[in-house]
Structure formats: C-alpha cells, structure tokens
Amino acid sequence: IWSGAEAVFRSLACVPEKRWMLWCFLRVPGFAPVSNFIYRFVAR
C-alpha cells in the first residue's frame, strides 16, 4: 500500500510513458520532498 504523492507516481508508473515520473520521485534529489509538500498542500 502506497499513500499520497508516492501513490500517485506509482500508479502513473503503470503507464510505460509515465514511468519517468516515479524514477524522478525515487532518484532526483529534492523531487520527493517537493512533491510531498505540494501534494499535502493541495490535499489540505
């Protein structure tokens, strides 16, 4: 079970053309914290 921004990127990774987004979330420095911040802000 994945939640929040990571859940979004993992679901998008099911589409081959969108796997790069999960790659960025997992490997690009700063990408995950910024994504999580934006996700929480929008959710609130």
PDB file of all heavy atoms in Angstrom:
ATOM      1  N   ILE A   1       0.847  -1.190   0.000  1.00  0.00           N
ATOM      2  CA  ILE A   1       0.000   0.000   0.000  1.00  0.00           C
ATOM      3  C   ILE A   1       0.887   1.245   0.000  1.00  0.00           C
ATOM      4  O   ILE A   1       1.777   1.383   0.836  1.00  0.00           O
ATOM      5  CB  ILE A   1      -0.926   0.005   1.230  1.00  0.00           C
ATOM      6  CG1 ILE A   1      -1.806  -1.245   1.231  1.00  0.00           C
ATOM      7  CG2 ILE A   1      -1.769   1.281   1.270  1.00  0.00           C
ATOM      8  CD1 ILE A   1      -2.538  -1.487   2.539  1.00  0.00           C
ATOM      9  N   TRP A   2       0.636   2.131  -0.933  1.00  0.00           N
ATOM     10  CA  TRP A   2       1.346   3.390  -1.056  1.00  0.00           C
ATOM     11  C   TRP A   2       0.340   4.509  -0.858  1.00  0.00           C
ATOM     12  O   TRP A   2      -0.815   4.374  -1.224  1.00  0.00           O
ATOM     13  CB  TRP A   2       2.010   3.501  -2.427  1.00  0.00           C
ATOM     14  CG  TRP A   2       2.867   2.325  -2.748  1.00  0.00           C
ATOM     15  CD1 TRP A   2       2.513   1.212  -3.445  1.00  0.00           C
ATOM     16  CD2 TRP A   2       4.221   2.116  -2.340  1.00  0.00           C
ATOM     17  NE1 TRP A   2       3.567   0.339  -3.515  1.00  0.00           N
ATOM     18  CE2 TRP A   2       4.629   0.871  -2.839  1.00  0.00           C
ATOM     19  CE3 TRP A   2       5.125   2.880  -1.618  1.00  0.00           C
ATOM     20  CZ2 TRP A   2       5.896   0.367  -2.631  1.00  0.00           C
ATOM     21  CZ3 TRP A   2       6.392   2.370  -1.409  1.00  0.00           C
ATOM     22  CH2 TRP A   2       6.775   1.133  -1.917  1.00  0.00           C
ATOM     23  N   SER A   3       0.795   5.626  -0.315  1.00  0.00           N
ATOM     24  CA  SER A   3      -0.109   6.717   0.010  1.00  0.00           C
ATOM     25  C   SER A   3       0.443   8.056  -0.462  1.00  0.00           C
ATOM     26  O   SER A   3       1.659   8.230  -0.598  1.00  0.00           O
ATOM     27  CB  SER A   3      -0.299   6.750   1.539  1.00  0.00           C
ATOM     28  OG  SER A   3      -1.212   7.749   1.908  1.00  0.00           O
ATOM     29  N   GLY A   4      -0.446   8.986  -0.737  1.00  0.00           N
ATOM     30  CA  GLY A   4      -0.045  10.349  -1.064  1.00  0.00           C
ATOM     31  C   GLY A   4       0.642  10.471  -2.404  1.00  0.00           C
ATOM     32  O   GLY A   4       0.307   9.785  -3.372  1.00  0.00           O
ATOM     33  N   ALA A   5       1.621  11.370  -2.467  1.00  0.00           N
ATOM     34  CA  ALA A   5       2.324  11.644  -3.718  1.00  0.00           C
ATOM     35  C   ALA A   5       2.972  10.385  -4.289  1.00  0.00           C
ATOM     36  O   ALA A   5       2.915  10.145  -5.494  1.00  0.00           O
ATOM     37  CB  ALA A   5       3.376  12.732  -3.511  1.00  0.00           C
ATOM     38  N   GLU A   6       3.556   9.565  -3.422  1.00  0.00           N
ATOM     39  CA  GLU A   6       4.189   8.342  -3.930  1.00  0.00           C
ATOM     40  C   GLU A   6       3.153   7.413  -4.558  1.00  0.00           C
ATOM     41  O   GLU A   6       3.429   6.767  -5.576  1.00  0.00           O
ATOM     42  CB  GLU A   6       4.967   7.617  -2.840  1.00  0.00           C
ATOM     43  CG  GLU A   6       5.762   6.452  -3.393  1.00  0.00           C
ATOM     44  CD  GLU A   6       6.833   5.925  -2.460  1.00  0.00           C
ATOM     45  OE1 GLU A   6       6.920   6.384  -1.303  1.00  0.00           O
ATOM     46  OE2 GLU A   6       7.587   5.047  -2.906  1.00  0.00           O
ATOM     47  N   ALA A   7       1.958   7.363  -4.000  1.00  0.00           N
ATOM     48  CA  ALA A   7       0.890   6.554  -4.588  1.00  0.00           C
ATOM     49  C   ALA A   7       0.552   7.050  -5.991  1.00  0.00           C
ATOM     50  O   ALA A   7       0.326   6.249  -6.904  1.00  0.00           O
ATOM     51  CB  ALA A   7      -0.349   6.584  -3.691  1.00  0.00           C
ATOM     52  N   VAL A   8       0.519   8.353  -6.155  1.00  0.00           N
ATOM     53  CA  VAL A   8       0.229   8.933  -7.475  1.00  0.00           C
ATOM     54  C   VAL A   8       1.304   8.525  -8.469  1.00  0.00           C
ATOM     55  O   VAL A   8       1.005   8.039  -9.567  1.00  0.00           O
ATOM     56  CB  VAL A   8       0.119  10.475  -7.388  1.00  0.00           C
ATOM     57  CG1 VAL A   8       0.017  11.081  -8.782  1.00  0.00           C
ATOM     58  CG2 VAL A   8      -1.069  10.877  -6.526  1.00  0.00           C
ATOM     59  N   PHE A   9       2.569   8.690  -8.096  1.00  0.00           N
ATOM     60  CA  PHE A   9       3.652   8.366  -9.025  1.00  0.00           C
ATOM     61  C   PHE A   9       3.733   6.866  -9.299  1.00  0.00           C
ATOM     62  O   PHE A   9       4.046   6.459 -10.420  1.00  0.00           O
ATOM     63  CB  PHE A   9       4.986   8.911  -8.512  1.00  0.00           C
ATOM     64  CG  PHE A   9       5.065  10.402  -8.582  1.00  0.00           C
ATOM     65  CD1 PHE A   9       5.192  11.160  -7.434  1.00  0.00           C
ATOM     66  CD2 PHE A   9       4.996  11.068  -9.800  1.00  0.00           C
ATOM     67  CE1 PHE A   9       5.255  12.539  -7.489  1.00  0.00           C
ATOM     68  CE2 PHE A   9       5.052  12.457  -9.883  1.00  0.00           C
ATOM     69  CZ  PHE A   9       5.173  13.188  -8.712  1.00  0.00           C
ATOM     70  N   ARG A  10       3.460   6.044  -8.306  1.00  0.00           N
ATOM     71  CA  ARG A  10       3.476   4.594  -8.536  1.00  0.00           C
ATOM     72  C   ARG A  10       2.323   4.172  -9.442  1.00  0.00           C
ATOM     73  O   ARG A  10       2.483   3.276 -10.270  1.00  0.00           O
ATOM     74  CB  ARG A  10       3.469   3.835  -7.220  1.00  0.00           C
ATOM     75  CG  ARG A  10       4.813   3.967  -6.513  1.00  0.00           C
ATOM     76  CD  ARG A  10       4.979   3.011  -5.363  1.00  0.00           C
ATOM     77  NE  ARG A  10       6.284   3.184  -4.762  1.00  0.00           N
ATOM     78  CZ  ARG A  10       7.384   2.533  -5.148  1.00  0.00           C
ATOM     79  NH1 ARG A  10       7.342   1.657  -6.121  1.00  0.00           N
ATOM     80  NH2 ARG A  10       8.536   2.763  -4.540  1.00  0.00           N
ATOM     81  N   SER A  11       1.177   4.807  -9.307  1.00  0.00           N
ATOM     82  CA  SER A  11       0.065   4.472 -10.205  1.00  0.00           C
ATOM     83  C   SER A  11       0.370   4.942 -11.627  1.00  0.00           C
ATOM     84  O   SER A  11       0.088   4.225 -12.591  1.00  0.00           O
ATOM     85  CB  SER A  11      -1.251   5.058  -9.695  1.00  0.00           C
ATOM     86  OG  SER A  11      -1.242   6.460  -9.749  1.00  0.00           O
ATOM     87  N   LEU A  12       0.961   6.124 -11.762  1.00  0.00           N
ATOM     88  CA  LEU A  12       1.330   6.609 -13.095  1.00  0.00           C
ATOM     89  C   LEU A  12       2.381   5.716 -13.747  1.00  0.00           C
ATOM     90  O   LEU A  12       2.404   5.574 -14.974  1.00  0.00           O
ATOM     91  CB  LEU A  12       1.843   8.047 -13.010  1.00  0.00           C
ATOM     92  CG  LEU A  12       0.789   9.114 -12.724  1.00  0.00           C
ATOM     93  CD1 LEU A  12       1.451  10.458 -12.442  1.00  0.00           C
ATOM     94  CD2 LEU A  12      -0.198   9.227 -13.879  1.00  0.00           C
ATOM     95  N   ALA A  13       3.236   5.101 -12.944  1.00  0.00           N
ATOM     96  CA  ALA A  13       4.290   4.234 -13.482  1.00  0.00           C
ATOM     97  C   ALA A  13       3.725   2.974 -14.136  1.00  0.00           C
ATOM     98  O   ALA A  13       4.440   2.281 -14.855  1.00  0.00           O
ATOM     99  CB  ALA A  13       5.274   3.853 -12.377  1.00  0.00           C
ATOM    100  N   CYS A  14       2.454   2.711 -13.942  1.00  0.00           N
ATOM    101  CA  CYS A  14       1.809   1.583 -14.629  1.00  0.00           C
ATOM    102  C   CYS A  14       1.649   1.867 -16.117  1.00  0.00           C
ATOM    103  O   CYS A  14       1.396   0.956 -16.905  1.00  0.00           O
ATOM    104  CB  CYS A  14       0.447   1.286 -13.999  1.00  0.00           C
ATOM    105  SG  CYS A  14       0.565   0.701 -12.296  1.00  0.00           S
ATOM    106  N   VAL A  15       1.789   3.119 -16.494  1.00  0.00           N
ATOM    107  CA  VAL A  15       1.747   3.528 -17.899  1.00  0.00           C
ATOM    108  C   VAL A  15       3.193   3.728 -18.343  1.00  0.00           C
ATOM    109  O   VAL A  15       3.894   4.589 -17.791  1.00  0.00           O
ATOM    110  CB  VAL A  15       0.952   4.855 -18.068  1.00  0.00           C
ATOM    111  CG1 VAL A  15       0.941   5.292 -19.523  1.00  0.00           C
ATOM    112  CG2 VAL A  15      -0.440   4.713 -17.503  1.00  0.00           C
ATOM    113  N   PRO A  16       3.680   2.924 -19.285  1.00  0.00           N
ATOM    114  CA  PRO A  16       5.098   2.978 -19.647  1.00  0.00           C
ATOM    115  C   PRO A  16       5.635   4.380 -19.939  1.00  0.00           C
ATOM    116  O   PRO A  16       6.744   4.711 -19.522  1.00  0.00           O
ATOM    117  CB  PRO A  16       5.182   2.086 -20.899  1.00  0.00           C
ATOM    118  CG  PRO A  16       4.067   1.104 -20.714  1.00  0.00           C
ATOM    119  CD  PRO A  16       2.960   1.890 -20.041  1.00  0.00           C
ATOM    120  N   GLU A  17       4.853   5.222 -20.610  1.00  0.00           N
ATOM    121  CA  GLU A  17       5.330   6.561 -20.957  1.00  0.00           C
ATOM    122  C   GLU A  17       5.455   7.474 -19.740  1.00  0.00           C
ATOM    123  O   GLU A  17       6.022   8.563 -19.837  1.00  0.00           O
ATOM    124  CB  GLU A  17       4.381   7.245 -21.958  1.00  0.00           C
ATOM    125  CG  GLU A  17       4.148   6.492 -23.242  1.00  0.00           C
ATOM    126  CD  GLU A  17       3.064   5.431 -23.110  1.00  0.00           C
ATOM    127  OE1 GLU A  17       1.993   5.696 -22.534  1.00  0.00           O
ATOM    128  OE2 GLU A  17       3.312   4.316 -23.585  1.00  0.00           O
ATOM    129  N   LYS A  18       4.915   7.066 -18.613  1.00  0.00           N
ATOM    130  CA  LYS A  18       4.940   7.925 -17.421  1.00  0.00           C
ATOM    131  C   LYS A  18       5.833   7.387 -16.307  1.00  0.00           C
ATOM    132  O   LYS A  18       5.891   7.950 -15.225  1.00  0.00           O
ATOM    133  CB  LYS A  18       3.519   8.138 -16.914  1.00  0.00           C
ATOM    134  CG  LYS A  18       2.654   8.802 -17.978  1.00  0.00           C
ATOM    135  CD  LYS A  18       1.355   9.260 -17.454  1.00  0.00           C
ATOM    136  CE  LYS A  18       0.484   9.747 -18.577  1.00  0.00           C
ATOM    137  NZ  LYS A  18       0.459  11.151 -18.745  1.00  0.00           N
ATOM    138  N   ARG A  19       6.562   6.305 -16.566  1.00  0.00           N
ATOM    139  CA  ARG A  19       7.451   5.735 -15.546  1.00  0.00           C
ATOM    140  C   ARG A  19       8.544   6.682 -15.101  1.00  0.00           C
ATOM    141  O   ARG A  19       9.044   6.604 -13.988  1.00  0.00           O
ATOM    142  CB  ARG A  19       8.074   4.434 -16.064  1.00  0.00           C
ATOM    143  CG  ARG A  19       7.096   3.311 -16.095  1.00  0.00           C
ATOM    144  CD  ARG A  19       7.776   1.991 -16.389  1.00  0.00           C
ATOM    145  NE  ARG A  19       6.745   0.992 -16.537  1.00  0.00           N
ATOM    146  CZ  ARG A  19       6.707   0.088 -17.488  1.00  0.00           C
ATOM    147  NH1 ARG A  19       7.688   0.021 -18.365  1.00  0.00           N
ATOM    148  NH2 ARG A  19       5.738  -0.774 -17.556  1.00  0.00           N
ATOM    149  N   TRP A  20       8.910   7.592 -15.968  1.00  0.00           N
ATOM    150  CA  TRP A  20       9.974   8.545 -15.644  1.00  0.00           C
ATOM    151  C   TRP A  20       9.626   9.368 -14.415  1.00  0.00           C
ATOM    152  O   TRP A  20      10.510   9.792 -13.675  1.00  0.00           O
ATOM    153  CB  TRP A  20      10.280   9.441 -16.842  1.00  0.00           C
ATOM    154  CG  TRP A  20       9.151  10.353 -17.235  1.00  0.00           C
ATOM    155  CD1 TRP A  20       8.146  10.085 -18.118  1.00  0.00           C
ATOM    156  CD2 TRP A  20       8.907  11.674 -16.755  1.00  0.00           C
ATOM    157  NE1 TRP A  20       7.297  11.148 -18.214  1.00  0.00           N
ATOM    158  CE2 TRP A  20       7.744  12.152 -17.384  1.00  0.00           C
ATOM    159  CE3 TRP A  20       9.568  12.505 -15.853  1.00  0.00           C
ATOM    160  CZ2 TRP A  20       7.218  13.415 -17.148  1.00  0.00           C
ATOM    161  CZ3 TRP A  20       9.040  13.763 -15.606  1.00  0.00           C
ATOM    162  CH2 TRP A  20       7.882  14.214 -16.247  1.00  0.00           C
ATOM    163  N   MET A  21       8.338   9.591 -14.178  1.00  0.00           N
ATOM    164  CA  MET A  21       7.935  10.390 -13.024  1.00  0.00           C
ATOM    165  C   MET A  21       8.283   9.687 -11.708  1.00  0.00           C
ATOM    166  O   MET A  21       8.781  10.319 -10.773  1.00  0.00           O
ATOM    167  CB  MET A  21       6.442  10.695 -13.083  1.00  0.00           C
ATOM    168  CG  MET A  21       6.042  11.585 -14.224  1.00  0.00           C
ATOM    169  SD  MET A  21       4.271  11.893 -14.151  1.00  0.00           S
ATOM    170  CE  MET A  21       3.943  12.365 -15.816  1.00  0.00           C
ATOM    171  N   LEU A  22       8.038   8.377 -11.630  1.00  0.00           N
ATOM    172  CA  LEU A  22       8.406   7.617 -10.433  1.00  0.00           C
ATOM    173  C   LEU A  22       9.919   7.581 -10.297  1.00  0.00           C
ATOM    174  O   LEU A  22      10.457   7.716  -9.192  1.00  0.00           O
ATOM    175  CB  LEU A  22       7.834   6.203 -10.468  1.00  0.00           C
ATOM    176  CG  LEU A  22       8.208   5.325  -9.274  1.00  0.00           C
ATOM    177  CD1 LEU A  22       7.711   5.924  -7.957  1.00  0.00           C
ATOM    178  CD2 LEU A  22       7.662   3.912  -9.462  1.00  0.00           C
ATOM    179  N   TRP A  23      10.625   7.430 -11.415  1.00  0.00           N
ATOM    180  CA  TRP A  23      12.085   7.433 -11.380  1.00  0.00           C
ATOM    181  C   TRP A  23      12.575   8.737 -10.754  1.00  0.00           C
ATOM    182  O   TRP A  23      13.446   8.732  -9.887  1.00  0.00           O
ATOM    183  CB  TRP A  23      12.645   7.256 -12.795  1.00  0.00           C
ATOM    184  CG  TRP A  23      14.131   7.139 -12.829  1.00  0.00           C
ATOM    185  CD1 TRP A  23      14.860   5.987 -12.759  1.00  0.00           C
ATOM    186  CD2 TRP A  23      15.077   8.216 -12.907  1.00  0.00           C
ATOM    187  NE1 TRP A  23      16.207   6.283 -12.798  1.00  0.00           N
ATOM    188  CE2 TRP A  23      16.360   7.644 -12.887  1.00  0.00           C
ATOM    189  CE3 TRP A  23      14.961   9.594 -12.990  1.00  0.00           C
ATOM    190  CZ2 TRP A  23      17.515   8.410 -12.954  1.00  0.00           C
ATOM    191  CZ3 TRP A  23      16.116  10.361 -13.049  1.00  0.00           C
ATOM    192  CH2 TRP A  23      17.378   9.766 -13.030  1.00  0.00           C
ATOM    193  N   CYS A  24      12.010   9.853 -11.174  1.00  0.00           N
ATOM    194  CA  CYS A  24      12.393  11.151 -10.604  1.00  0.00           C
ATOM    195  C   CYS A  24      12.063  11.200  -9.113  1.00  0.00           C
ATOM    196  O   CYS A  24      12.884  11.667  -8.309  1.00  0.00           O
ATOM    197  CB  CYS A  24      11.671  12.292 -11.322  1.00  0.00           C
ATOM    198  SG  CYS A  24      12.234  12.582 -13.008  1.00  0.00           S
ATOM    199  N   PHE A  25      10.878  10.731  -8.742  1.00  0.00           N
ATOM    200  CA  PHE A  25      10.456  10.745  -7.339  1.00  0.00           C
ATOM    201  C   PHE A  25      11.444   9.958  -6.477  1.00  0.00           C
ATOM    202  O   PHE A  25      11.793  10.382  -5.375  1.00  0.00           O
ATOM    203  CB  PHE A  25       9.046  10.154  -7.205  1.00  0.00           C
ATOM    204  CG  PHE A  25       8.495  10.229  -5.814  1.00  0.00           C
ATOM    205  CD1 PHE A  25       7.851  11.370  -5.363  1.00  0.00           C
ATOM    206  CD2 PHE A  25       8.610   9.147  -4.947  1.00  0.00           C
ATOM    207  CE1 PHE A  25       7.343  11.445  -4.068  1.00  0.00           C
ATOM    208  CE2 PHE A  25       8.113   9.212  -3.664  1.00  0.00           C
ATOM    209  CZ  PHE A  25       7.473  10.362  -3.220  1.00  0.00           C
ATOM    210  N   LEU A  26      11.910   8.839  -6.984  1.00  0.00           N
ATOM    211  CA  LEU A  26      12.790   7.962  -6.206  1.00  0.00           C
ATOM    212  C   LEU A  26      14.264   8.370  -6.268  1.00  0.00           C
ATOM    213  O   LEU A  26      15.021   8.052  -5.345  1.00  0.00           O
ATOM    214  CB  LEU A  26      12.647   6.517  -6.688  1.00  0.00           C
ATOM    215  CG  LEU A  26      11.268   5.886  -6.493  1.00  0.00           C
ATOM    216  CD1 LEU A  26      11.222   4.506  -7.145  1.00  0.00           C
ATOM    217  CD2 LEU A  26      10.904   5.800  -5.016  1.00  0.00           C
ATOM    218  N   ARG A  27      14.688   9.061  -7.328  1.00  0.00           N
ATOM    219  CA  ARG A  27      16.122   9.262  -7.529  1.00  0.00           C
ATOM    220  C   ARG A  27      16.614  10.696  -7.642  1.00  0.00           C
ATOM    221  O   ARG A  27      17.793  10.948  -7.430  1.00  0.00           O
ATOM    222  CB  ARG A  27      16.552   8.482  -8.775  1.00  0.00           C
ATOM    223  CG  ARG A  27      16.460   6.983  -8.539  1.00  0.00           C
ATOM    224  CD  ARG A  27      16.917   6.194  -9.747  1.00  0.00           C
ATOM    225  NE  ARG A  27      16.913   4.776  -9.481  1.00  0.00           N
ATOM    226  CZ  ARG A  27      15.837   4.000  -9.532  1.00  0.00           C
ATOM    227  NH1 ARG A  27      14.673   4.516  -9.827  1.00  0.00           N
ATOM    228  NH2 ARG A  27      15.928   2.707  -9.285  1.00  0.00           N
ATOM    229  N   VAL A  28      15.756  11.634  -8.003  1.00  0.00           N
ATOM    230  CA  VAL A  28      16.215  13.012  -8.178  1.00  0.00           C
ATOM    231  C   VAL A  28      16.183  13.729  -6.832  1.00  0.00           C
ATOM    232  O   VAL A  28      15.125  13.826  -6.204  1.00  0.00           O
ATOM    233  CB  VAL A  28      15.347  13.761  -9.221  1.00  0.00           C
ATOM    234  CG1 VAL A  28      15.737  15.228  -9.289  1.00  0.00           C
ATOM    235  CG2 VAL A  28      15.462  13.099 -10.589  1.00  0.00           C
ATOM    236  N   PRO A  29      17.343  14.209  -6.377  1.00  0.00           N
ATOM    237  CA  PRO A  29      17.382  14.893  -5.081  1.00  0.00           C
ATOM    238  C   PRO A  29      16.398  16.065  -5.031  1.00  0.00           C
ATOM    239  O   PRO A  29      16.348  16.884  -5.950  1.00  0.00           O
ATOM    240  CB  PRO A  29      18.830  15.384  -4.975  1.00  0.00           C
ATOM    241  CG  PRO A  29      19.607  14.470  -5.873  1.00  0.00           C
ATOM    242  CD  PRO A  29      18.666  14.138  -7.008  1.00  0.00           C
ATOM    243  N   GLY A  30      15.604  16.097  -3.979  1.00  0.00           N
ATOM    244  CA  GLY A  30      14.644  17.173  -3.777  1.00  0.00           C
ATOM    245  C   GLY A  30      13.283  16.948  -4.406  1.00  0.00           C
ATOM    246  O   GLY A  30      12.312  17.584  -4.022  1.00  0.00           O
ATOM    247  N   PHE A  31      13.199  16.043  -5.378  1.00  0.00           N
ATOM    248  CA  PHE A  31      11.940  15.829  -6.083  1.00  0.00           C
ATOM    249  C   PHE A  31      10.862  15.272  -5.154  1.00  0.00           C
ATOM    250  O   PHE A  31       9.726  15.769  -5.159  1.00  0.00           O
ATOM    251  CB  PHE A  31      12.152  14.892  -7.279  1.00  0.00           C
ATOM    252  CG  PHE A  31      10.991  14.822  -8.226  1.00  0.00           C
ATOM    253  CD1 PHE A  31      10.940  15.651  -9.329  1.00  0.00           C
ATOM    254  CD2 PHE A  31       9.949  13.931  -8.032  1.00  0.00           C
ATOM    255  CE1 PHE A  31       9.871  15.595 -10.219  1.00  0.00           C
ATOM    256  CE2 PHE A  31       8.884  13.866  -8.907  1.00  0.00           C
ATOM    257  CZ  PHE A  31       8.847  14.700 -10.002  1.00  0.00           C
ATOM    258  N   ALA A  32      11.196  14.281  -4.357  1.00  0.00           N
ATOM    259  CA  ALA A  32      10.204  13.669  -3.451  1.00  0.00           C
ATOM    260  C   ALA A  32       9.726  14.654  -2.388  1.00  0.00           C
ATOM    261  O   ALA A  32       8.506  14.789  -2.188  1.00  0.00           O
ATOM    262  CB  ALA A  32      10.762  12.394  -2.826  1.00  0.00           C
ATOM    263  N   PRO A  33      10.621  15.348  -1.680  1.00  0.00           N
ATOM    264  CA  PRO A  33      10.121  16.283  -0.666  1.00  0.00           C
ATOM    265  C   PRO A  33       9.241  17.386  -1.250  1.00  0.00           C
ATOM    266  O   PRO A  33       8.225  17.750  -0.656  1.00  0.00           O
ATOM    267  CB  PRO A  33      11.384  16.869  -0.039  1.00  0.00           C
ATOM    268  CG  PRO A  33      12.494  15.984  -0.432  1.00  0.00           C
ATOM    269  CD  PRO A  33      12.075  15.246  -1.659  1.00  0.00           C
ATOM    270  N   VAL A  34       9.612  17.905  -2.417  1.00  0.00           N
ATOM    271  CA  VAL A  34       8.799  18.950  -3.046  1.00  0.00           C
ATOM    272  C   VAL A  34       7.446  18.379  -3.475  1.00  0.00           C
ATOM    273  O   VAL A  34       6.395  18.990  -3.253  1.00  0.00           O
ATOM    274  CB  VAL A  34       9.542  19.600  -4.233  1.00  0.00           C
ATOM    275  CG1 VAL A  34       8.627  20.502  -5.046  1.00  0.00           C
ATOM    276  CG2 VAL A  34      10.750  20.370  -3.728  1.00  0.00           C
ATOM    277  N   SER A  35       7.458  17.181  -4.061  1.00  0.00           N
ATOM    278  CA  SER A  35       6.213  16.531  -4.472  1.00  0.00           C
ATOM    279  C   SER A  35       5.304  16.279  -3.272  1.00  0.00           C
ATOM    280  O   SER A  35       4.094  16.521  -3.342  1.00  0.00           O
ATOM    281  CB  SER A  35       6.507  15.200  -5.174  1.00  0.00           C
ATOM    282  OG  SER A  35       7.242  15.408  -6.354  1.00  0.00           O
ATOM    283  N   ASN A  36       5.891  15.779  -2.182  1.00  0.00           N
ATOM    284  CA  ASN A  36       5.099  15.525  -0.975  1.00  0.00           C
ATOM    285  C   ASN A  36       4.519  16.810  -0.411  1.00  0.00           C
ATOM    286  O   ASN A  36       3.361  16.844   0.022  1.00  0.00           O
ATOM    287  CB  ASN A  36       5.937  14.800   0.078  1.00  0.00           C
ATOM    288  CG  ASN A  36       6.175  13.359  -0.277  1.00  0.00           C
ATOM    289  OD1 ASN A  36       5.312  12.684  -0.823  1.00  0.00           O
ATOM    290  ND2 ASN A  36       7.360  12.874   0.018  1.00  0.00           N
ATOM    291  N   PHE A  37       5.308  17.882  -0.403  1.00  0.00           N
ATOM    292  CA  PHE A  37       4.825  19.173   0.086  1.00  0.00           C
ATOM    293  C   PHE A  37       3.647  19.668  -0.749  1.00  0.00           C
ATOM    294  O   PHE A  37       2.610  20.076  -0.212  1.00  0.00           O
ATOM    295  CB  PHE A  37       5.952  20.209   0.080  1.00  0.00           C
ATOM    296  CG  PHE A  37       5.483  21.590   0.440  1.00  0.00           C
ATOM    297  CD1 PHE A  37       5.293  21.941   1.771  1.00  0.00           C
ATOM    298  CD2 PHE A  37       5.194  22.508  -0.553  1.00  0.00           C
ATOM    299  CE1 PHE A  37       4.829  23.214   2.103  1.00  0.00           C
ATOM    300  CE2 PHE A  37       4.733  23.784  -0.231  1.00  0.00           C
ATOM    301  CZ  PHE A  37       4.555  24.127   1.103  1.00  0.00           C
ATOM    302  N   ILE A  38       3.799  19.625  -2.066  1.00  0.00           N
ATOM    303  CA  ILE A  38       2.729  20.091  -2.961  1.00  0.00           C
ATOM    304  C   ILE A  38       1.488  19.220  -2.781  1.00  0.00           C
ATOM    305  O   ILE A  38       0.369  19.733  -2.714  1.00  0.00           O
ATOM    306  CB  ILE A  38       3.207  20.111  -4.423  1.00  0.00           C
ATOM    307  CG1 ILE A  38       4.276  21.190  -4.601  1.00  0.00           C
ATOM    308  CG2 ILE A  38       2.044  20.332  -5.380  1.00  0.00           C
ATOM    309  CD1 ILE A  38       5.006  21.135  -5.929  1.00  0.00           C
ATOM    310  N   TYR A  39       1.676  17.900  -2.696  1.00  0.00           N
ATOM    311  CA  TYR A  39       0.539  17.001  -2.515  1.00  0.00           C
ATOM    312  C   TYR A  39      -0.215  17.344  -1.230  1.00  0.00           C
ATOM    313  O   TYR A  39      -1.435  17.460  -1.231  1.00  0.00           O
ATOM    314  CB  TYR A  39       0.997  15.532  -2.492  1.00  0.00           C
ATOM    315  CG  TYR A  39      -0.184  14.605  -2.389  1.00  0.00           C
ATOM    316  CD1 TYR A  39      -0.775  14.091  -3.527  1.00  0.00           C
ATOM    317  CD2 TYR A  39      -0.744  14.289  -1.152  1.00  0.00           C
ATOM    318  CE1 TYR A  39      -1.897  13.281  -3.442  1.00  0.00           C
ATOM    319  CE2 TYR A  39      -1.863  13.490  -1.064  1.00  0.00           C
ATOM    320  CZ  TYR A  39      -2.429  12.983  -2.208  1.00  0.00           C
ATOM    321  OH  TYR A  39      -3.552  12.193  -2.120  1.00  0.00           O
ATOM    322  N   ARG A  40       0.514  17.494  -0.123  1.00  0.00           N
ATOM    323  CA  ARG A  40      -0.131  17.808   1.161  1.00  0.00           C
ATOM    324  C   ARG A  40      -0.845  19.156   1.108  1.00  0.00           C
ATOM    325  O   ARG A  40      -1.944  19.298   1.634  1.00  0.00           O
ATOM    326  CB  ARG A  40       0.891  17.774   2.296  1.00  0.00           C
ATOM    327  CG  ARG A  40       1.291  16.366   2.705  1.00  0.00           C
ATOM    328  CD  ARG A  40       2.101  16.358   4.002  1.00  0.00           C
ATOM    329  NE  ARG A  40       3.281  17.212   3.938  1.00  0.00           N
ATOM    330  CZ  ARG A  40       4.479  16.823   3.523  1.00  0.00           C
ATOM    331  NH1 ARG A  40       4.671  15.574   3.134  1.00  0.00           N
ATOM    332  NH2 ARG A  40       5.492  17.669   3.505  1.00  0.00           N
ATOM    333  N   PHE A  41      -0.220  20.139   0.461  1.00  0.00           N
ATOM    334  CA  PHE A  41      -0.833  21.459   0.344  1.00  0.00           C
ATOM    335  C   PHE A  41      -2.160  21.374  -0.414  1.00  0.00           C
ATOM    336  O   PHE A  41      -3.181  21.905   0.027  1.00  0.00           O
ATOM    337  CB  PHE A  41       0.120  22.440  -0.353  1.00  0.00           C
ATOM    338  CG  PHE A  41      -0.445  23.817  -0.488  1.00  0.00           C
ATOM    339  CD1 PHE A  41      -0.390  24.700   0.588  1.00  0.00           C
ATOM    340  CD2 PHE A  41      -1.048  24.229  -1.670  1.00  0.00           C
ATOM    341  CE1 PHE A  41      -0.924  25.979   0.478  1.00  0.00           C
ATOM    342  CE2 PHE A  41      -1.585  25.499  -1.785  1.00  0.00           C
ATOM    343  CZ  PHE A  41      -1.527  26.373  -0.699  1.00  0.00           C
ATOM    344  N   VAL A  42      -2.153  20.709  -1.550  1.00  0.00           N
ATOM    345  CA  VAL A  42      -3.369  20.570  -2.349  1.00  0.00           C
ATOM    346  C   VAL A  42      -4.421  19.766  -1.572  1.00  0.00           C
ATOM    347  O   VAL A  42      -5.601  20.133  -1.555  1.00  0.00           O
ATOM    348  CB  VAL A  42      -3.064  19.930  -3.720  1.00  0.00           C
ATOM    349  CG1 VAL A  42      -4.351  19.582  -4.464  1.00  0.00           C
ATOM    350  CG2 VAL A  42      -2.190  20.856  -4.561  1.00  0.00           C
ATOM    351  N   ALA A  43      -3.996  18.697  -0.906  1.00  0.00           N
ATOM    352  CA  ALA A  43      -4.945  17.875  -0.143  1.00  0.00           C
ATOM    353  C   ALA A  43      -5.599  18.674   0.978  1.00  0.00           C
ATOM    354  O   ALA A  43      -6.795  18.530   1.232  1.00  0.00           O
ATOM    355  CB  ALA A  43      -4.239  16.642   0.422  1.00  0.00           C
ATOM    356  N   ARG A  44      -4.832  19.530   1.632  1.00  0.00           N
ATOM    357  CA  ARG A  44      -5.386  20.348   2.727  1.00  0.00           C
ATOM    358  C   ARG A  44      -6.330  21.430   2.218  1.00  0.00           C
ATOM    359  O   ARG A  44      -7.151  21.934   2.974  1.00  0.00           O
ATOM    360  CB  ARG A  44      -4.258  20.990   3.526  1.00  0.00           C
ATOM    361  CG  ARG A  44      -3.549  20.029   4.423  1.00  0.00           C
ATOM    362  CD  ARG A  44      -2.571  20.758   5.336  1.00  0.00           C
ATOM    363  NE  ARG A  44      -1.637  19.809   5.883  1.00  0.00           N
ATOM    364  CZ  ARG A  44      -0.321  19.881   5.746  1.00  0.00           C
ATOM    365  NH1 ARG A  44       0.229  20.894   5.121  1.00  0.00           N
ATOM    366  NH2 ARG A  44       0.455  18.954   6.260  1.00  0.00           N
TER     367      ARG A  44
END
